[in-house]
């Protein structure tokens, strides 16, 4: 339909995956060997730990919806 507005969802962090795991149960090499995973974000030798409250804020506050502008129909 020409001129119809559509909602587009864009990632705030494209190509990033936030995961929560217990390193005592699952080793980082197990995760790194998963297809599509290239590396962890690290500070020195240790992967960055993002606190749950930050993840929750990102989920709620930064959810953005972009609506494409209505286009003029050509007849």
N, C-alpha and C. Protein backbone atom coordinates (compact mmCIF):
# COMPACT_ATOMS: atom_id res chain seq x y z
N UNK A 1 0.84 -1.18 0.00
CA UNK A 1 0.00 0.00 0.00
C UNK A 1 0.88 1.24 0.00
N UNK A 2 0.69 2.05 -0.95
CA UNK A 2 1.46 3.27 -1.06
C UNK A 2 0.95 4.29 -0.04
N UNK A 3 1.89 4.97 0.63
CA UNK A 3 1.51 6.01 1.58
C UNK A 3 1.18 5.49 2.97
N UNK A 4 1.27 4.19 3.18
CA UNK A 4 0.97 3.62 4.48
C UNK A 4 2.18 3.80 5.40
N UNK A 5 1.93 4.20 6.62
CA UNK A 5 3.01 4.33 7.60
C UNK A 5 3.34 2.96 8.16
N UNK A 6 4.63 2.72 8.31
CA UNK A 6 5.08 1.45 8.86
C UNK A 6 6.00 1.72 10.04
N UNK A 7 6.01 0.79 11.00
CA UNK A 7 6.90 0.90 12.14
C UNK A 7 8.14 0.08 11.86
N UNK A 8 9.29 0.68 12.14
CA UNK A 8 10.57 0.01 11.95
C UNK A 8 11.29 -0.01 13.29
N UNK A 9 11.73 -1.19 13.71
CA UNK A 9 12.48 -1.30 14.95
C UNK A 9 13.96 -1.41 14.62
N UNK A 10 14.76 -0.53 15.22
CA UNK A 10 16.20 -0.56 14.99
C UNK A 10 16.91 -0.92 16.28
N UNK A 11 17.98 -1.67 16.15
CA UNK A 11 18.75 -2.07 17.32
C UNK A 11 19.55 -0.90 17.86
N UNK A 12 19.59 -0.80 19.17
CA UNK A 12 20.41 0.23 19.81
C UNK A 12 21.88 -0.15 19.73
N UNK A 13 22.16 -1.45 19.82
CA UNK A 13 23.52 -1.97 19.71
C UNK A 13 23.54 -3.07 18.64
N UNK A 14 23.59 -2.70 17.37
CA UNK A 14 23.57 -3.72 16.32
C UNK A 14 24.76 -4.67 16.44
N UNK A 15 24.50 -5.94 16.19
CA UNK A 15 25.53 -6.99 16.22
C UNK A 15 26.09 -7.30 17.61
N UNK A 16 25.46 -6.80 18.65
CA UNK A 16 25.87 -7.12 20.01
C UNK A 16 24.82 -8.01 20.64
N UNK A 17 25.27 -8.94 21.47
CA UNK A 17 24.37 -9.82 22.19
C UNK A 17 24.72 -9.75 23.66
N UNK A 18 23.76 -9.38 24.49
CA UNK A 18 23.97 -9.34 25.93
C UNK A 18 23.54 -10.70 26.48
N UNK A 19 24.45 -11.38 27.14
CA UNK A 19 24.13 -12.69 27.71
C UNK A 19 24.44 -12.70 29.19
N UNK A 20 23.71 -13.55 29.90
CA UNK A 20 23.94 -13.74 31.33
C UNK A 20 24.21 -15.22 31.54
N UNK A 21 25.36 -15.52 32.13
CA UNK A 21 25.72 -16.91 32.36
C UNK A 21 26.62 -16.99 33.59
N UNK A 22 26.68 -18.18 34.15
CA UNK A 22 27.55 -18.44 35.30
C UNK A 22 28.85 -19.04 34.78
N UNK A 23 29.98 -18.32 34.88
CA UNK A 23 31.24 -18.84 34.37
C UNK A 23 31.74 -20.08 35.10
N UNK A 24 31.15 -20.39 36.25
CA UNK A 24 31.49 -21.63 36.97
C UNK A 24 30.83 -22.84 36.30
N UNK A 25 29.73 -22.59 35.55
CA UNK A 25 29.01 -23.67 34.88
C UNK A 25 29.29 -23.73 33.38
N UNK A 26 29.40 -22.56 32.76
CA UNK A 26 29.62 -22.48 31.31
C UNK A 26 30.89 -21.67 31.07
N UNK A 27 31.86 -22.27 30.40
CA UNK A 27 33.11 -21.57 30.13
C UNK A 27 32.93 -20.63 28.94
N UNK A 28 33.68 -19.55 28.91
CA UNK A 28 33.56 -18.59 27.82
C UNK A 28 33.90 -19.20 26.47
N UNK A 29 34.74 -20.22 26.44
CA UNK A 29 35.06 -20.87 25.16
C UNK A 29 33.84 -21.57 24.56
N UNK A 30 32.95 -22.04 25.42
CA UNK A 30 31.71 -22.65 24.93
C UNK A 30 30.87 -21.62 24.19
N UNK A 31 30.79 -20.44 24.74
CA UNK A 31 30.00 -19.38 24.12
C UNK A 31 30.71 -18.89 22.86
N UNK A 32 32.02 -18.71 22.93
CA UNK A 32 32.78 -18.22 21.77
C UNK A 32 32.73 -19.19 20.60
N UNK A 33 32.51 -20.47 20.86
CA UNK A 33 32.46 -21.45 19.78
C UNK A 33 31.08 -21.51 19.12
N UNK A 34 30.14 -20.71 19.61
CA UNK A 34 28.81 -20.64 19.03
C UNK A 34 28.88 -19.86 17.70
N UNK A 35 28.20 -20.36 16.69
CA UNK A 35 28.20 -19.70 15.39
C UNK A 35 27.73 -18.26 15.52
N UNK A 36 28.48 -17.34 14.95
CA UNK A 36 28.12 -15.93 14.95
C UNK A 36 28.78 -15.13 16.05
N UNK A 37 29.32 -15.78 17.07
CA UNK A 37 29.99 -15.09 18.16
C UNK A 37 31.46 -14.92 17.79
N UNK A 38 31.95 -13.69 17.83
CA UNK A 38 33.35 -13.47 17.47
C UNK A 38 34.22 -13.23 18.70
N UNK A 39 33.72 -12.45 19.65
CA UNK A 39 34.50 -12.20 20.86
C UNK A 39 33.65 -11.52 21.93
N UNK A 40 34.23 -11.40 23.11
CA UNK A 40 33.59 -10.69 24.23
C UNK A 40 34.17 -9.29 24.32
N UNK A 41 33.38 -8.36 24.80
CA UNK A 41 33.91 -7.05 25.14
C UNK A 41 34.62 -7.23 26.47
N UNK A 42 35.86 -6.80 26.55
CA UNK A 42 36.68 -7.04 27.75
C UNK A 42 37.33 -5.75 28.25
N UNK A 43 37.60 -5.75 29.54
CA UNK A 43 38.50 -4.79 30.16
C UNK A 43 39.70 -5.62 30.59
N UNK A 44 40.78 -5.55 29.84
CA UNK A 44 41.93 -6.39 30.14
C UNK A 44 41.60 -7.84 29.84
N UNK A 45 41.78 -8.70 30.83
CA UNK A 45 41.54 -10.13 30.66
C UNK A 45 40.10 -10.55 30.93
N UNK A 46 39.30 -9.66 31.52
CA UNK A 46 37.98 -10.05 32.00
C UNK A 46 36.84 -9.48 31.16
N UNK A 47 35.85 -10.32 30.83
CA UNK A 47 34.68 -9.82 30.09
C UNK A 47 33.94 -8.77 30.92
N UNK A 48 33.37 -7.80 30.22
CA UNK A 48 32.61 -6.74 30.88
C UNK A 48 31.31 -7.31 31.43
N UNK A 49 30.99 -6.97 32.65
CA UNK A 49 29.72 -7.38 33.26
C UNK A 49 28.82 -6.15 33.32
N UNK A 50 27.69 -6.24 32.63
CA UNK A 50 26.72 -5.15 32.63
C UNK A 50 25.68 -5.47 33.68
N UNK A 51 25.52 -4.61 34.70
CA UNK A 51 24.54 -4.89 35.76
C UNK A 51 23.11 -5.00 35.24
N UNK A 52 22.32 -5.83 35.91
CA UNK A 52 20.92 -6.06 35.52
C UNK A 52 20.13 -4.77 35.40
N UNK A 53 20.35 -3.83 36.31
CA UNK A 53 19.57 -2.59 36.26
C UNK A 53 19.87 -1.78 34.99
N UNK A 54 21.09 -1.85 34.49
CA UNK A 54 21.43 -1.17 33.24
C UNK A 54 20.73 -1.85 32.06
N UNK A 55 20.74 -3.17 32.05
CA UNK A 55 20.05 -3.92 30.98
C UNK A 55 18.57 -3.58 30.99
N UNK A 56 17.95 -3.55 32.17
CA UNK A 56 16.53 -3.23 32.28
C UNK A 56 16.24 -1.82 31.79
N UNK A 57 17.12 -0.87 32.11
CA UNK A 57 16.94 0.51 31.63
C UNK A 57 17.04 0.57 30.12
N UNK A 58 18.02 -0.15 29.56
CA UNK A 58 18.17 -0.18 28.11
C UNK A 58 16.94 -0.75 27.44
N UNK A 59 16.38 -1.80 28.03
CA UNK A 59 15.19 -2.43 27.46
C UNK A 59 14.00 -1.48 27.45
N UNK A 60 13.82 -0.71 28.50
CA UNK A 60 12.63 0.12 28.60
C UNK A 60 12.83 1.53 28.07
N UNK A 61 13.89 2.21 28.46
CA UNK A 61 14.04 3.63 28.12
C UNK A 61 14.46 3.86 26.68
N UNK A 62 15.21 2.96 26.11
CA UNK A 62 15.75 3.21 24.79
C UNK A 62 15.06 2.43 23.69
N UNK A 63 13.91 1.89 23.98
CA UNK A 63 13.14 1.21 22.93
C UNK A 63 12.61 2.31 22.01
N UNK A 64 13.10 2.31 20.79
CA UNK A 64 12.73 3.36 19.86
C UNK A 64 11.95 2.78 18.70
N UNK A 65 10.92 3.47 18.34
CA UNK A 65 10.16 3.10 17.16
C UNK A 65 10.25 4.25 16.18
N UNK A 66 10.61 3.95 14.97
CA UNK A 66 10.72 4.95 13.94
C UNK A 66 9.59 4.71 12.96
N UNK A 67 8.84 5.76 12.70
CA UNK A 67 7.72 5.64 11.77
C UNK A 67 8.12 6.35 10.48
N UNK A 68 8.07 5.62 9.39
CA UNK A 68 8.41 6.21 8.10
C UNK A 68 7.39 7.29 7.75
N UNK A 69 7.85 8.41 7.22
CA UNK A 69 6.90 9.49 6.88
C UNK A 69 5.97 9.08 5.76
N UNK A 70 4.80 9.65 5.80
CA UNK A 70 3.80 9.35 4.77
C UNK A 70 4.28 9.91 3.44
N UNK A 71 4.22 9.10 2.42
CA UNK A 71 4.68 9.54 1.09
C UNK A 71 3.49 9.98 0.26
N UNK A 72 3.77 10.92 -0.63
CA UNK A 72 2.70 11.40 -1.52
C UNK A 72 2.41 10.33 -2.56
N UNK A 73 1.17 10.08 -2.82
CA UNK A 73 0.84 9.09 -3.84
C UNK A 73 0.84 9.75 -5.22
N UNK A 74 1.44 9.04 -6.14
CA UNK A 74 1.52 9.53 -7.52
C UNK A 74 0.44 8.83 -8.33
N UNK A 75 -0.34 9.59 -9.06
CA UNK A 75 -1.44 9.01 -9.83
C UNK A 75 -1.20 9.15 -11.29
